[in-house]
Amino acid sequence: MRRFFRFSITAFIIALLGILAYFYINSQSVILPDTPYIEVDRIRRGEINYNKTETLEQVLVQKKSALDKQRKVLEEKKDLLNKRRLEIENYINYETEKIRLKFQTQIDNYQVEVESKYHVFKENKEQEYLEQVLVKKELYEEKLTELVDNLQESYSHDLETYKQELMKEYYLERVNYDLKLKFLDLSKEEEDEFKNRLTELENIQLIAVEGKESELIDEIENKIEQFKEEYNMEIKEYEQELKDRVERELNNKRVENKQLLEDYLILQQRLMNVEIEEKRKEILERSQKELSTLEALVKEISQEYFSLQSEVSILEKEVMY
């Protein structure tokens, strides 16, 4: 009798939990596998014969079967939820990569633009250098031509002056010999002597003029060579000065471009992060309703599963006693 009373109370509790679970499931529109209904009233009246089919062991088997089916449904919904979360995360990663590639393309294009402008700047500076060197060389050619003309003029003037001085120096002596040869009655020997003397004077003058010419030419060549040496040193210093200046300007431009790229990269990185975060929020907001529904469904099924698990636990204890 005591065993029957204890069994009746246990069966009543199980039946009550089953009824509550049934109404809860129907109210949430969640379809669950059919679970057996425990006839509490019949158990109380003792109308159920434990030796027949509707024994506690059979109910326990049915409940375990329902629990197993509920477990599978729960796992299926959890898998669906995790799969959907993974799909959303993958989609976020896909959109993030698209944004990253877009900004990377912009950065690459900007870098190409900056480098292209640098090459143009460099070519202009190199062309400017060549033009300035060319102007310097043209100026040198003009100065050299002017110097040669001045030296040639000076040479002619100095040589003519020297010839005039020679003529003055030997003028009286030559006139003396000329007059003697013209007006005096000279012997053959005297005539030959005076003629030889005139020839000697002419040779002396000729040699002196040639020596002067050589001297003046050497002087001109030395001055031209000196001018060239001074110019070569000057143009070398000028070219080095231009090269240094061009290199400084190119280096400044490289530093400037580097800073431009760094600033642009920082800006694009900040803009990219903002756009990625906005896109992530947008995707999560669009997916939140779906995820919330799935999460609520998993929660409901979990509650139902644990409810069935409790029923099975109670039945197992009852069967043991």
C-alpha atoms as a PDB file:
ATOM      1  CA  MET A   1       0.000   0.000   0.000  1.00  0.00           C
ATOM      2  CA  ARG A   2       2.875   2.395   0.893  1.00  0.00           C
ATOM      3  CA  ARG A   3       4.584   1.591  -2.373  1.00  0.00           C
ATOM      4  CA  PHE A   4       1.410   2.286  -4.278  1.00  0.00           C
ATOM      5  CA  PHE A   5       0.978   5.646  -2.535  1.00  0.00           C
ATOM      6  CA  ARG A   6       4.562   6.704  -3.275  1.00  0.00           C
ATOM      7  CA  PHE A   7       4.223   5.591  -6.857  1.00  0.00           C
ATOM      8  CA  SER A   8       0.975   7.545  -7.230  1.00  0.00           C
ATOM      9  CA  ILE A   9       2.603  10.785  -6.068  1.00  0.00           C
ATOM     10  CA  THR A  10       5.577  10.283  -8.411  1.00  0.00           C
ATOM     11  CA  ALA A  11       3.338   9.549 -11.361  1.00  0.00           C
ATOM     12  CA  PHE A  12       1.242  12.608 -10.604  1.00  0.00           C
ATOM     13  CA  ILE A  13       4.338  14.864 -10.600  1.00  0.00           C
ATOM     14  CA  ILE A  14       5.608  13.363 -13.856  1.00  0.00           C
ATOM     15  CA  ALA A  15       2.211  13.786 -15.495  1.00  0.00           C
ATOM     16  CA  LEU A  16       1.949  17.356 -14.318  1.00  0.00           C
ATOM     17  CA  LEU A  17       5.422  18.185 -15.726  1.00  0.00           C
ATOM     18  CA  GLY A  18       4.470  16.535 -18.982  1.00  0.00           C
ATOM     19  CA  ILE A  19       1.248  18.529 -19.268  1.00  0.00           C
ATOM     20  CA  LEU A  20       3.043  21.820 -18.526  1.00  0.00           C
ATOM     21  CA  ALA A  21       5.730  21.005 -21.062  1.00  0.00           C
ATOM     22  CA  TYR A  22       3.085  20.154 -23.643  1.00  0.00           C
ATOM     23  CA  PHE A  23       1.259  23.466 -23.208  1.00  0.00           C
ATOM     24  CA  TYR A  24       4.556  25.385 -23.178  1.00  0.00           C
ATOM     25  CA  ILE A  25       5.683  23.785 -26.405  1.00  0.00           C
ATOM     26  CA  ASN A  26       2.379  24.502 -28.133  1.00  0.00           C
ATOM     27  CA  SER A  27       2.386  28.118 -26.899  1.00  0.00           C
ATOM     28  CA  GLN A  28       5.876  28.640 -28.420  1.00  0.00           C
ATOM     29  CA  SER A  29       5.000  26.946 -31.733  1.00  0.00           C
ATOM     30  CA  VAL A  30       7.933  24.551 -31.343  1.00  0.00           C
ATOM     31  CA  ILE A  31       7.307  21.077 -32.751  1.00  0.00           C
ATOM     32  CA  LEU A  32       8.711  18.323 -30.571  1.00  0.00           C
ATOM     33  CA  PRO A  33       8.542  14.558 -30.876  1.00  0.00           C
ATOM     34  CA  ASP A  34       5.439  13.030 -29.279  1.00  0.00           C
ATOM     35  CA  THR A  35       5.974  11.968 -25.689  1.00  0.00           C
ATOM     36  CA  PRO A  36       3.679   9.530 -23.830  1.00  0.00           C
ATOM     37  CA  TYR A  37       1.053  10.921 -21.504  1.00  0.00           C
ATOM     38  CA  ILE A  38       1.058   9.470 -17.998  1.00  0.00           C
ATOM     39  CA  GLU A  39      -2.519   8.753 -16.895  1.00  0.00           C
ATOM     40  CA  VAL A  40      -2.338  10.081 -13.355  1.00  0.00           C
ATOM     41  CA  ASP A  41      -6.025   9.474 -12.478  1.00  0.00           C
ATOM     42  CA  ARG A  42      -5.897   5.850 -13.530  1.00  0.00           C
ATOM     43  CA  ILE A  43      -2.747   5.349 -11.516  1.00  0.00           C
ATOM     44  CA  ARG A  44      -4.407   6.921  -8.466  1.00  0.00           C
ATOM     45  CA  ARG A  45      -7.471   4.669  -8.806  1.00  0.00           C
ATOM     46  CA  GLY A  46      -5.242   1.662  -9.213  1.00  0.00           C
ATOM     47  CA  GLU A  47      -6.797   0.896 -12.562  1.00  0.00           C
ATOM     48  CA  ILE A  48      -3.392   0.347 -14.117  1.00  0.00           C
ATOM     49  CA  ASN A  49      -1.950  -3.085 -13.781  1.00  0.00           C
ATOM     50  CA  TYR A  50       1.848  -2.873 -13.451  1.00  0.00           C
ATOM     51  CA  ASN A  51       2.222  -6.259 -14.975  1.00  0.00           C
ATOM     52  CA  LYS A  52       0.612  -5.031 -18.204  1.00  0.00           C
ATOM     53  CA  THR A  53       2.116  -2.902 -21.025  1.00  0.00           C
ATOM     54  CA  GLU A  54       1.770   0.487 -19.333  1.00  0.00           C
ATOM     55  CA  THR A  55       4.383  -0.042 -16.664  1.00  0.00           C
ATOM     56  CA  LEU A  56       6.847   2.531 -15.324  1.00  0.00           C
ATOM     57  CA  GLU A  57       9.616   0.799 -17.226  1.00  0.00           C
ATOM     58  CA  GLN A  58       7.748   1.267 -20.477  1.00  0.00           C
ATOM     59  CA  VAL A  59       7.063   4.920 -19.685  1.00  0.00           C
ATOM     60  CA  LEU A  60      10.728   5.374 -18.873  1.00  0.00           C
ATOM     61  CA  VAL A  61      11.718   3.826 -22.188  1.00  0.00           C
ATOM     62  CA  GLN A  62       9.332   6.115 -24.020  1.00  0.00           C
ATOM     63  CA  LYS A  63      10.581   9.145 -22.129  1.00  0.00           C
ATOM     64  CA  LYS A  64      14.212   8.219 -22.876  1.00  0.00           C
ATOM     65  CA  SER A  65      13.308   7.842 -26.530  1.00  0.00           C
ATOM     66  CA  ALA A  66      11.682  11.293 -26.477  1.00  0.00           C
ATOM     67  CA  LEU A  67      14.721  12.667 -24.665  1.00  0.00           C
ATOM     68  CA  ASP A  68      17.033  11.245 -27.312  1.00  0.00           C
ATOM     69  CA  LYS A  69      14.932  12.758 -30.080  1.00  0.00           C
ATOM     70  CA  GLN A  70      14.897  16.067 -28.219  1.00  0.00           C
ATOM     71  CA  ARG A  71      18.701  15.892 -27.872  1.00  0.00           C
ATOM     72  CA  LYS A  72      19.042  15.406 -31.621  1.00  0.00           C
ATOM     73  CA  VAL A  73      16.728  18.340 -32.279  1.00  0.00           C
ATOM     74  CA  LEU A  74      18.740  20.468 -29.849  1.00  0.00           C
ATOM     75  CA  GLU A  75      22.045  19.497 -31.472  1.00  0.00           C
ATOM     76  CA  GLU A  76      20.579  20.190 -34.900  1.00  0.00           C
ATOM     77  CA  LYS A  77      19.432  23.664 -33.877  1.00  0.00           C
ATOM     78  CA  LYS A  78      22.740  24.399 -32.141  1.00  0.00           C
ATOM     79  CA  ASP A  79      24.589  23.309 -35.298  1.00  0.00           C
ATOM     80  CA  LEU A  80      22.304  25.517 -37.352  1.00  0.00           C
ATOM     81  CA  LEU A  81      22.950  28.450 -35.016  1.00  0.00           C
ATOM     82  CA  ASN A  82      26.739  27.909 -35.068  1.00  0.00           C
ATOM     83  CA  LYS A  83      26.699  27.437 -38.831  1.00  0.00           C
ATOM     84  CA  ARG A  84      24.761  30.657 -39.284  1.00  0.00           C
ATOM     85  CA  ARG A  85      27.131  32.511 -36.943  1.00  0.00           C
ATOM     86  CA  LEU A  86      30.081  31.182 -38.935  1.00  0.00           C
ATOM     87  CA  GLU A  87      28.433  32.215 -42.216  1.00  0.00           C
ATOM     88  CA  ILE A  88      27.860  35.716 -40.861  1.00  0.00           C
ATOM     89  CA  GLU A  89      31.437  35.932 -39.625  1.00  0.00           C
ATOM     90  CA  ASN A  90      32.731  34.696 -42.987  1.00  0.00           C
ATOM     91  CA  TYR A  91      30.580  37.257 -44.757  1.00  0.00           C
ATOM     92  CA  ILE A  92      31.962  39.970 -42.460  1.00  0.00           C
ATOM     93  CA  ASN A  93      35.489  38.785 -43.288  1.00  0.00           C
ATOM     94  CA  TYR A  94      34.622  38.799 -47.007  1.00  0.00           C
ATOM     95  CA  GLU A  95      33.294  42.364 -46.866  1.00  0.00           C
ATOM     96  CA  THR A  96      36.254  43.393 -44.705  1.00  0.00           C
ATOM     97  CA  GLU A  97      38.674  42.024 -47.300  1.00  0.00           C
ATOM     98  CA  LYS A  98      36.824  43.878 -50.074  1.00  0.00           C
ATOM     99  CA  ILE A  99      37.160  47.124 -48.144  1.00  0.00           C
ATOM    100  CA  ARG A 100      40.808  46.414 -47.379  1.00  0.00           C
ATOM    101  CA  LEU A 101      41.555  45.726 -51.044  1.00  0.00           C
ATOM    102  CA  LYS A 102      39.746  48.908 -52.059  1.00  0.00           C
ATOM    103  CA  PHE A 103      41.844  51.019 -49.714  1.00  0.00           C
ATOM    104  CA  GLN A 104      45.009  49.131 -50.658  1.00  0.00           C
ATOM    105  CA  THR A 105      44.308  49.946 -54.316  1.00  0.00           C
ATOM    106  CA  GLN A 106      43.857  53.615 -53.411  1.00  0.00           C
ATOM    107  CA  ILE A 107      47.117  53.577 -51.463  1.00  0.00           C
ATOM    108  CA  ASP A 108      48.945  51.859 -54.340  1.00  0.00           C
ATOM    109  CA  ASN A 109      47.560  54.352 -56.850  1.00  0.00           C
ATOM    110  CA  TYR A 110      48.553  57.278 -54.644  1.00  0.00           C
ATOM    111  CA  GLN A 111      52.039  55.846 -54.259  1.00  0.00           C
ATOM    112  CA  VAL A 112      52.342  55.447 -58.041  1.00  0.00           C
ATOM    113  CA  GLU A 113      51.155  59.028 -58.472  1.00  0.00           C
ATOM    114  CA  VAL A 114      53.675  60.358 -55.948  1.00  0.00           C
ATOM    115  CA  GLU A 115      56.504  58.341 -57.503  1.00  0.00           C
ATOM    116  CA  SER A 116      55.511  59.486 -60.983  1.00  0.00           C
ATOM    117  CA  LYS A 117      55.582  63.124 -59.876  1.00  0.00           C
ATOM    118  CA  TYR A 118      58.964  62.512 -58.258  1.00  0.00           C
ATOM    119  CA  HIS A 119      60.392  61.102 -61.508  1.00  0.00           C
ATOM    120  CA  VAL A 120      59.108  64.141 -63.401  1.00  0.00           C
ATOM    121  CA  PHE A 121      60.617  66.406 -60.742  1.00  0.00           C
ATOM    122  CA  LYS A 122      63.910  64.521 -60.959  1.00  0.00           C
ATOM    123  CA  GLU A 123      64.006  64.699 -64.763  1.00  0.00           C
ATOM    124  CA  ASN A 124      63.296  68.433 -64.634  1.00  0.00           C
ATOM    125  CA  LYS A 125      66.092  68.969 -62.130  1.00  0.00           C
ATOM    126  CA  GLU A 126      68.530  66.919 -64.181  1.00  0.00           C
ATOM    127  CA  GLN A 127      67.529  68.832 -67.307  1.00  0.00           C
ATOM    128  CA  GLU A 128      67.928  72.084 -65.409  1.00  0.00           C
ATOM    129  CA  TYR A 129      71.390  70.955 -64.328  1.00  0.00           C
ATOM    130  CA  LEU A 130      72.413  70.125 -67.911  1.00  0.00           C
ATOM    131  CA  GLU A 131      71.065  73.423 -69.208  1.00  0.00           C
ATOM    132  CA  GLN A 132      72.932  75.423 -66.577  1.00  0.00           C
ATOM    133  CA  VAL A 133      76.155  73.545 -67.312  1.00  0.00           C
ATOM    134  CA  LEU A 134      75.597  74.133 -71.015  1.00  0.00           C
ATOM    135  CA  VAL A 135      75.082  77.854 -70.410  1.00  0.00           C
ATOM    136  CA  LYS A 136      78.291  77.909 -68.396  1.00  0.00           C
ATOM    137  CA  LYS A 137      80.182  76.174 -71.208  1.00  0.00           C
ATOM    138  CA  GLU A 138      78.722  78.508 -73.809  1.00  0.00           C
ATOM    139  CA  LEU A 139      79.822  81.436 -71.697  1.00  0.00           C
ATOM    140  CA  TYR A 140      83.263  79.867 -71.517  1.00  0.00           C
ATOM    141  CA  GLU A 141      83.401  79.485 -75.299  1.00  0.00           C
ATOM    142  CA  GLU A 142      82.442  83.117 -75.686  1.00  0.00           C
ATOM    143  CA  LYS A 143      85.090  84.208 -73.207  1.00  0.00           C
ATOM    144  CA  LEU A 144      87.683  81.974 -74.836  1.00  0.00           C
ATOM    145  CA  THR A 145      86.872  83.368 -78.275  1.00  0.00           C
ATOM    146  CA  GLU A 146      87.060  86.884 -76.906  1.00  0.00           C
ATOM    147  CA  LEU A 147      90.352  86.104 -75.194  1.00  0.00           C
ATOM    148  CA  VAL A 148      91.841  84.613 -78.360  1.00  0.00           C
ATOM    149  CA  ASP A 149      90.694  87.633 -80.377  1.00  0.00           C
ATOM    150  CA  ASN A 150      92.194  90.016 -77.827  1.00  0.00           C
ATOM    151  CA  LEU A 151      95.424  88.045 -77.674  1.00  0.00           C
ATOM    152  CA  GLN A 152      95.609  87.921 -81.467  1.00  0.00           C
ATOM    153  CA  GLU A 153      95.097  91.636 -81.632  1.00  0.00           C
ATOM    154  CA  SER A 154      97.663  92.183 -78.916  1.00  0.00           C
ATOM    155  CA  TYR A 155     100.019  89.820 -80.711  1.00  0.00           C
ATOM    156  CA  SER A 156      99.749  91.744 -83.964  1.00  0.00           C
ATOM    157  CA  HIS A 157     100.154  95.040 -82.216  1.00  0.00           C
ATOM    158  CA  ASP A 158     103.155  93.928 -80.149  1.00  0.00           C
ATOM    159  CA  LEU A 159     104.800  92.291 -83.104  1.00  0.00           C
ATOM    160  CA  GLU A 160     104.337  95.363 -85.260  1.00  0.00           C
ATOM    161  CA  THR A 161     105.644  97.564 -82.466  1.00  0.00           C
ATOM    162  CA  TYR A 162     108.654  95.338 -82.122  1.00  0.00           C
ATOM    163  CA  LYS A 163     109.320  95.454 -85.845  1.00  0.00           C
ATOM    164  CA  GLN A 164     109.123  99.248 -85.750  1.00  0.00           C
ATOM    165  CA  GLU A 165     111.595  99.311 -82.868  1.00  0.00           C
ATOM    166  CA  LEU A 166     113.963  97.077 -84.802  1.00  0.00           C
ATOM    167  CA  MET A 167     113.670  99.280 -87.808  1.00  0.00           C
ATOM    168  CA  LYS A 168     114.468 102.328 -85.688  1.00  0.00           C
ATOM    169  CA  GLU A 169     117.362 100.558 -84.085  1.00  0.00           C
ATOM    170  CA  TYR A 170     118.975  99.594 -87.388  1.00  0.00           C
ATOM    171  CA  TYR A 171     117.634 102.410 -89.524  1.00  0.00           C
ATOM    172  CA  LEU A 172     120.698 104.692 -89.484  1.00  0.00           C
ATOM    173  CA  GLU A 173     123.077 101.873 -90.032  1.00  0.00           C
ATOM    174  CA  ARG A 174     121.113 100.547 -92.983  1.00  0.00           C
ATOM    175  CA  VAL A 175     120.688 104.016 -94.488  1.00  0.00           C
ATOM    176  CA  ASN A 176     124.392 104.558 -94.106  1.00  0.00           C
ATOM    177  CA  TYR A 177     125.194 101.406 -96.016  1.00  0.00           C
ATOM    178  CA  ASP A 178     122.554 102.109 -98.632  1.00  0.00           C
ATOM    179  CA  LEU A 179     123.893 105.589 -99.283  1.00  0.00           C
ATOM    180  CA  LYS A 180     127.437 104.405 -99.523  1.00  0.00           C
ATOM    181  CA  LEU A 181     126.426 101.754-101.989  1.00  0.00           C
ATOM    182  CA  LYS A 182     124.535 104.280-104.102  1.00  0.00           C
ATOM    183  CA  PHE A 183     126.757 107.321-104.074  1.00  0.00           C
ATOM    184  CA  LEU A 184     130.287 106.241-103.295  1.00  0.00           C
ATOM    185  CA  ASP A 185     132.708 104.821-105.704  1.00  0.00           C
ATOM    186  CA  LEU A 186     133.509 101.646-103.899  1.00  0.00           C
ATOM    187  CA  SER A 187     135.809  98.903-104.684  1.00  0.00           C
ATOM    188  CA  LYS A 188     134.508  95.427-105.238  1.00  0.00           C
ATOM    189  CA  GLU A 189     135.593  94.383-101.820  1.00  0.00           C
ATOM    190  CA  GLU A 190     133.993  97.395-100.121  1.00  0.00           C
ATOM    191  CA  GLU A 191     130.789  96.943-102.074  1.00  0.00           C
ATOM    192  CA  ASP A 192     130.599  93.261-101.105  1.00  0.00           C
ATOM    193  CA  GLU A 193     131.349  94.131 -97.502  1.00  0.00           C
ATOM    194  CA  PHE A 194     128.524  96.726 -97.320  1.00  0.00           C
ATOM    195  CA  LYS A 195     126.102  94.370 -99.073  1.00  0.00           C
ATOM    196  CA  ASN A 196     127.031  91.581 -96.690  1.00  0.00           C
ATOM    197  CA  ARG A 197     126.534  93.937 -93.783  1.00  0.00           C
ATOM    198  CA  LEU A 198     123.062  94.878 -95.045  1.00  0.00           C
ATOM    199  CA  THR A 199     122.237  91.203 -95.400  1.00  0.00           C
ATOM    200  CA  GLU A 200     123.434  90.584 -91.879  1.00  0.00           C
ATOM    201  CA  LEU A 201     121.264  93.418 -90.612  1.00  0.00           C
ATOM    202  CA  GLU A 202     118.250  91.964 -92.433  1.00  0.00           C
ATOM    203  CA  ASN A 203     119.002  88.513 -90.986  1.00  0.00           C
ATOM    204  CA  ILE A 204     119.399  89.972 -87.531  1.00  0.00           C
ATOM    205  CA  GLN A 205     116.034  91.711 -87.846  1.00  0.00           C
ATOM    206  CA  LEU A 206     114.386  88.605 -89.299  1.00  0.00           C
ATOM    207  CA  ILE A 207     115.737  86.392 -86.528  1.00  0.00           C
ATOM    208  CA  ALA A 208     114.690  88.960 -83.941  1.00  0.00           C
ATOM    209  CA  VAL A 209     111.164  89.143 -85.414  1.00  0.00           C
ATOM    210  CA  GLU A 210     110.881  85.353 -85.523  1.00  0.00           C
ATOM    211  CA  GLY A 211     112.064  85.181 -81.925  1.00  0.00           C
ATOM    212  CA  LYS A 212     109.531  87.812 -80.954  1.00  0.00           C
ATOM    213  CA  GLU A 213     106.802  85.977 -82.797  1.00  0.00           C
ATOM    214  CA  SER A 214     107.674  82.757 -81.016  1.00  0.00           C
ATOM    215  CA  GLU A 215     107.762  84.565 -77.695  1.00  0.00           C
ATOM    216  CA  LEU A 216     104.390  86.212 -78.322  1.00  0.00           C
ATOM    217  CA  ILE A 217     102.854  82.908 -79.489  1.00  0.00           C
ATOM    218  CA  ASP A 218     104.139  81.126 -76.379  1.00  0.00           C
ATOM    219  CA  GLU A 219     102.722  83.899 -74.272  1.00  0.00           C
ATOM    220  CA  ILE A 220      99.349  83.617 -76.024  1.00  0.00           C
ATOM    221  CA  GLU A 221      99.301  79.838 -75.661  1.00  0.00           C
ATOM    222  CA  ASN A 222     100.254  80.108 -71.995  1.00  0.00           C
ATOM    223  CA  LYS A 223      97.479  82.590 -71.380  1.00  0.00           C
ATOM    224  CA  ILE A 224      94.977  80.407 -73.235  1.00  0.00           C
ATOM    225  CA  GLU A 225      96.142  77.315 -71.317  1.00  0.00           C
ATOM    226  CA  GLN A 226      95.940  79.209 -68.044  1.00  0.00           C
ATOM    227  CA  PHE A 227      92.437  80.365 -68.945  1.00  0.00           C
ATOM    228  CA  LYS A 228      91.405  76.788 -69.771  1.00  0.00           C
ATOM    229  CA  GLU A 229      92.830  75.467 -66.504  1.00  0.00           C
ATOM    230  CA  GLU A 230      91.067  78.150 -64.532  1.00  0.00           C
ATOM    231  CA  TYR A 231      87.870  77.471 -66.445  1.00  0.00           C
ATOM    232  CA  ASN A 232      88.115  73.695 -65.976  1.00  0.00           C
ATOM    233  CA  MET A 233      88.531  74.183 -62.258  1.00  0.00           C
ATOM    234  CA  GLU A 234      85.704  76.698 -62.206  1.00  0.00           C
ATOM    235  CA  ILE A 235      83.341  74.527 -64.273  1.00  0.00           C
ATOM    236  CA  LYS A 236      84.208  71.510 -62.154  1.00  0.00           C
ATOM    237  CA  GLU A 237      83.349  73.418 -58.990  1.00  0.00           C
ATOM    238  CA  TYR A 238      80.232  74.769 -60.663  1.00  0.00           C
ATOM    239  CA  GLU A 239      79.096  71.303 -61.765  1.00  0.00           C
ATOM    240  CA  GLN A 240      79.704  69.909 -58.283  1.00  0.00           C
ATOM    241  CA  GLU A 241      77.783  72.776 -56.767  1.00  0.00           C
ATOM    242  CA  LEU A 242      74.884  72.110 -59.145  1.00  0.00           C
ATOM    243  CA  LYS A 243      75.006  68.372 -58.431  1.00  0.00           C
ATOM    244  CA  ASP A 244      74.976  68.992 -54.688  1.00  0.00           C
ATOM    245  CA  ARG A 245      72.087  71.380 -55.014  1.00  0.00           C
ATOM    246  CA  VAL A 246      70.107  68.986 -57.226  1.00  0.00           C
ATOM    247  CA  GLU A 247      70.810  66.115 -54.847  1.00  0.00           C
ATOM    248  CA  ARG A 248      69.644  68.207 -51.882  1.00  0.00           C
ATOM    249  CA  GLU A 249      66.457  69.116 -53.696  1.00  0.00           C
ATOM    250  CA  LEU A 250      65.862  65.490 -54.702  1.00  0.00           C
ATOM    251  CA  ASN A 251      66.530  64.301 -51.174  1.00  0.00           C
ATOM    252  CA  ASN A 252      64.153  66.932 -49.778  1.00  0.00           C
ATOM    253  CA  LYS A 253      61.556  65.801 -52.271  1.00  0.00           C
ATOM    254  CA  ARG A 254      62.036  62.162 -51.248  1.00  0.00           C
ATOM    255  CA  VAL A 255      61.630  63.086 -47.576  1.00  0.00           C
ATOM    256  CA  GLU A 256      58.560  65.133 -48.440  1.00  0.00           C
ATOM    257  CA  ASN A 257      57.075  62.262 -50.476  1.00  0.00           C
ATOM    258  CA  LYS A 258      57.791  59.792 -47.699  1.00  0.00           C
ATOM    259  CA  GLN A 259      55.925  61.991 -45.243  1.00  0.00           C
ATOM    260  CA  LEU A 260      53.079  62.390 -47.719  1.00  0.00           C
ATOM    261  CA  LEU A 261      52.800  58.616 -48.078  1.00  0.00           C
ATOM    262  CA  GLU A 262      52.950  58.056 -44.326  1.00  0.00           C
ATOM    263  CA  ASP A 263      50.266  60.685 -43.679  1.00  0.00           C
ATOM    264  CA  TYR A 264      48.099  59.284 -46.460  1.00  0.00           C
ATOM    265  CA  LEU A 265      48.571  55.743 -45.159  1.00  0.00           C
ATOM    266  CA  ILE A 266      47.554  56.783 -41.628  1.00  0.00           C
ATOM    267  CA  LEU A 267      44.501  58.595 -42.977  1.00  0.00           C
ATOM    268  CA  GLN A 268      43.446  55.677 -45.180  1.00  0.00           C
ATOM    269  CA  GLN A 269      44.015  53.235 -42.324  1.00  0.00           C
ATOM    270  CA  ARG A 270      41.741  55.287 -40.091  1.00  0.00           C
ATOM    271  CA  LEU A 271      39.081  55.604 -42.796  1.00  0.00           C
ATOM    272  CA  MET A 272      39.345  51.896 -43.586  1.00  0.00           C
ATOM    273  CA  ASN A 273      38.889  50.925 -39.922  1.00  0.00           C
ATOM    274  CA  VAL A 274      35.833  53.178 -39.671  1.00  0.00           C
ATOM    275  CA  GLU A 275      34.310  51.724 -42.833  1.00  0.00           C
ATOM    276  CA  ILE A 276      35.047  48.150 -41.728  1.00  0.00           C
ATOM    277  CA  GLU A 277      33.466  48.766 -38.318  1.00  0.00           C
ATOM    278  CA  GLU A 278      30.401  50.363 -39.924  1.00  0.00           C
ATOM    279  CA  LYS A 279      30.052  47.457 -42.336  1.00  0.00           C
ATOM    280  CA  ARG A 280      30.422  44.970 -39.473  1.00  0.00           C
ATOM    281  CA  LYS A 281      27.727  46.734 -37.446  1.00  0.00           C
ATOM    282  CA  GLU A 282      25.463  46.874 -40.493  1.00  0.00           C
ATOM    283  CA  ILE A 283      25.810  43.133 -41.126  1.00  0.00           C
ATOM    284  CA  LEU A 284      25.339  42.261 -37.447  1.00  0.00           C
ATOM    285  CA  GLU A 285      22.263  44.481 -37.204  1.00  0.00           C
ATOM    286  CA  ARG A 286      20.737  42.856 -40.287  1.00  0.00           C
ATOM    287  CA  SER A 287      21.515  39.396 -38.884  1.00  0.00           C
ATOM    288  CA  GLN A 288      20.565  40.106 -35.280  1.00  0.00           C
ATOM    289  CA  LYS A 289      16.882  39.257 -35.704  1.00  0.00           C
ATOM    290  CA  GLU A 290      17.664  35.940 -37.347  1.00  0.00           C
ATOM    291  CA  LEU A 291      20.300  35.074 -34.728  1.00  0.00           C
ATOM    292  CA  SER A 292      18.007  36.135 -31.879  1.00  0.00           C
ATOM    293  CA  THR A 293      15.264  33.874 -33.226  1.00  0.00           C
ATOM    294  CA  LEU A 294      17.654  30.940 -33.503  1.00  0.00           C
ATOM    295  CA  GLU A 295      19.129  31.617 -30.052  1.00  0.00           C
ATOM    296  CA  ALA A 296      15.630  31.825 -28.525  1.00  0.00           C
ATOM    297  CA  LEU A 297      14.684  28.578 -30.247  1.00  0.00           C
ATOM    298  CA  VAL A 298      17.814  26.841 -28.934  1.00  0.00           C
ATOM    299  CA  LYS A 299      17.055  28.177 -25.463  1.00  0.00           C
ATOM    300  CA  GLU A 300      13.462  26.908 -25.594  1.00  0.00           C
ATOM    301  CA  ILE A 301      14.510  23.499 -26.849  1.00  0.00           C
ATOM    302  CA  SER A 302      17.207  23.355 -24.171  1.00  0.00           C
ATOM    303  CA  GLN A 303      14.622  24.068 -21.495  1.00  0.00           C
ATOM    304  CA  GLU A 304      12.361  21.373 -22.880  1.00  0.00           C
ATOM    305  CA  TYR A 305      15.284  18.999 -23.065  1.00  0.00           C
ATOM    306  CA  PHE A 306      16.239  19.612 -19.443  1.00  0.00           C
ATOM    307  CA  SER A 307      12.576  19.206 -18.444  1.00  0.00           C
ATOM    308  CA  LEU A 308      12.455  15.807 -20.122  1.00  0.00           C
ATOM    309  CA  GLN A 309      15.790  14.977 -18.549  1.00  0.00           C
ATOM    310  CA  SER A 310      14.306  15.730 -15.121  1.00  0.00           C
ATOM    311  CA  GLU A 311      11.323  13.498 -15.827  1.00  0.00           C
ATOM    312  CA  VAL A 312      13.599  10.671 -16.887  1.00  0.00           C
ATOM    313  CA  SER A 313      15.692  11.124 -13.764  1.00  0.00           C
ATOM    314  CA  ILE A 314      12.608  10.917 -11.540  1.00  0.00           C
ATOM    315  CA  LEU A 315      11.313   7.841 -13.355  1.00  0.00           C
ATOM    316  CA  GLU A 316      14.701   6.155 -13.099  1.00  0.00           C
ATOM    317  CA  LYS A 317      14.716   6.680  -9.339  1.00  0.00           C
ATOM    318  CA  GLU A 318      11.169   5.396  -9.067  1.00  0.00           C
ATOM    319  CA  VAL A 319      11.958   2.284 -11.074  1.00  0.00           C
ATOM    320  CA  MET A 320      14.969   1.618  -8.853  1.00  0.00           C
ATOM    321  CA  TYR A 321      12.724   1.589  -5.744  1.00  0.00           C
END
